[in-house]
Protein backbone atom coordinates (compact mmCIF):
# COMPACT_ATOMS: atom_id res chain seq x y z
CA UNK A 1 61.94 25.21 2.98
CA UNK A 2 60.51 28.31 1.32
CA UNK A 3 60.43 31.73 2.98
CA UNK A 4 57.11 33.43 3.64
CA UNK A 5 55.91 35.39 0.64
CA UNK A 6 53.31 37.41 2.54
CA UNK A 7 53.90 40.04 5.18
CA UNK A 8 50.94 40.70 7.48
CA UNK A 9 51.93 44.38 7.58
CA UNK A 10 50.80 44.57 3.93
CA UNK A 11 47.23 43.63 4.94
CA UNK A 12 45.49 46.96 5.46
CA UNK A 13 41.83 46.21 4.68
CA UNK A 14 39.69 43.09 4.75
CA UNK A 15 39.91 42.65 0.97
CA UNK A 16 43.68 42.20 1.30
CA UNK A 17 43.29 39.22 3.63
CA UNK A 18 43.27 35.66 2.29
CA UNK A 19 42.00 33.07 4.79
CA UNK A 20 44.12 30.43 3.04
CA UNK A 21 47.21 32.10 4.57
CA UNK A 22 46.31 30.75 8.02
CA UNK A 23 47.50 27.31 9.02
CA UNK A 24 44.30 26.22 10.75
CA UNK A 25 44.69 24.18 13.91
CA UNK A 26 42.11 23.55 16.65
CA UNK A 27 43.91 26.14 18.79
CA UNK A 28 43.81 28.80 16.08
CA UNK A 29 40.14 28.09 15.33
CA UNK A 30 39.45 28.32 19.06
CA UNK A 31 41.20 31.71 19.23
CA UNK A 32 39.22 33.01 16.25
CA UNK A 33 35.85 31.94 17.72
CA UNK A 34 33.47 34.86 18.35
CA UNK A 35 31.71 33.60 21.46
CA UNK A 36 34.72 33.72 23.78
CA UNK A 37 34.83 35.87 26.86
CA UNK A 38 38.30 34.92 28.03
CA UNK A 39 41.51 36.70 27.13
CA UNK A 40 44.56 35.53 25.21
CA UNK A 41 48.14 36.69 25.10
CA UNK A 42 49.73 36.05 21.73
CA UNK A 43 53.48 35.54 21.93
CA UNK A 44 56.02 34.15 19.54
CA UNK A 45 59.28 34.75 17.78
CA UNK A 46 59.49 37.28 14.96
CA UNK A 47 58.00 35.90 11.77
CA UNK A 48 55.73 33.27 13.33
CA UNK A 49 52.44 34.93 12.29
CA UNK A 50 51.32 36.88 15.36
CA UNK A 51 50.29 39.93 13.34
CA UNK A 52 48.56 37.77 10.72
CA UNK A 53 46.57 35.98 13.42
CA UNK A 54 45.51 39.22 15.11
CA UNK A 55 44.54 40.81 11.81
CA UNK A 56 42.48 37.73 10.94
CA UNK A 57 40.56 38.14 14.19
CA UNK A 58 40.06 41.89 13.62
CA UNK A 59 38.78 41.30 10.08
CA UNK A 60 36.32 38.70 11.37
CA UNK A 61 34.97 41.16 13.93
CA UNK A 62 34.68 43.90 11.31
CA UNK A 63 32.42 41.65 9.23
CA UNK A 64 30.03 40.97 12.11
CA UNK A 65 26.87 43.00 12.58
CA UNK A 66 27.00 45.31 15.59
CA UNK A 67 25.31 43.89 18.70
CA UNK A 68 21.97 45.34 19.71
CA UNK A 69 22.23 47.89 22.51
CA UNK A 70 20.00 47.94 25.55
CA UNK A 71 18.26 51.09 26.65
């Protein structure tokens, strides 16, 4: 088994992120979905990808247009 070659702490801007780094499962895709109004708690042992997952979600939100505001 090979050690991880990417550290999520090295991902500073969206251009540094490679979507191929995520091991996509239905649960991960569900977490990354935009139209959710529930809350998640992400827990796991050191090195299991918590930071990578949260950065992936942040980068997705950064790429979205801002919602229209009501007056």
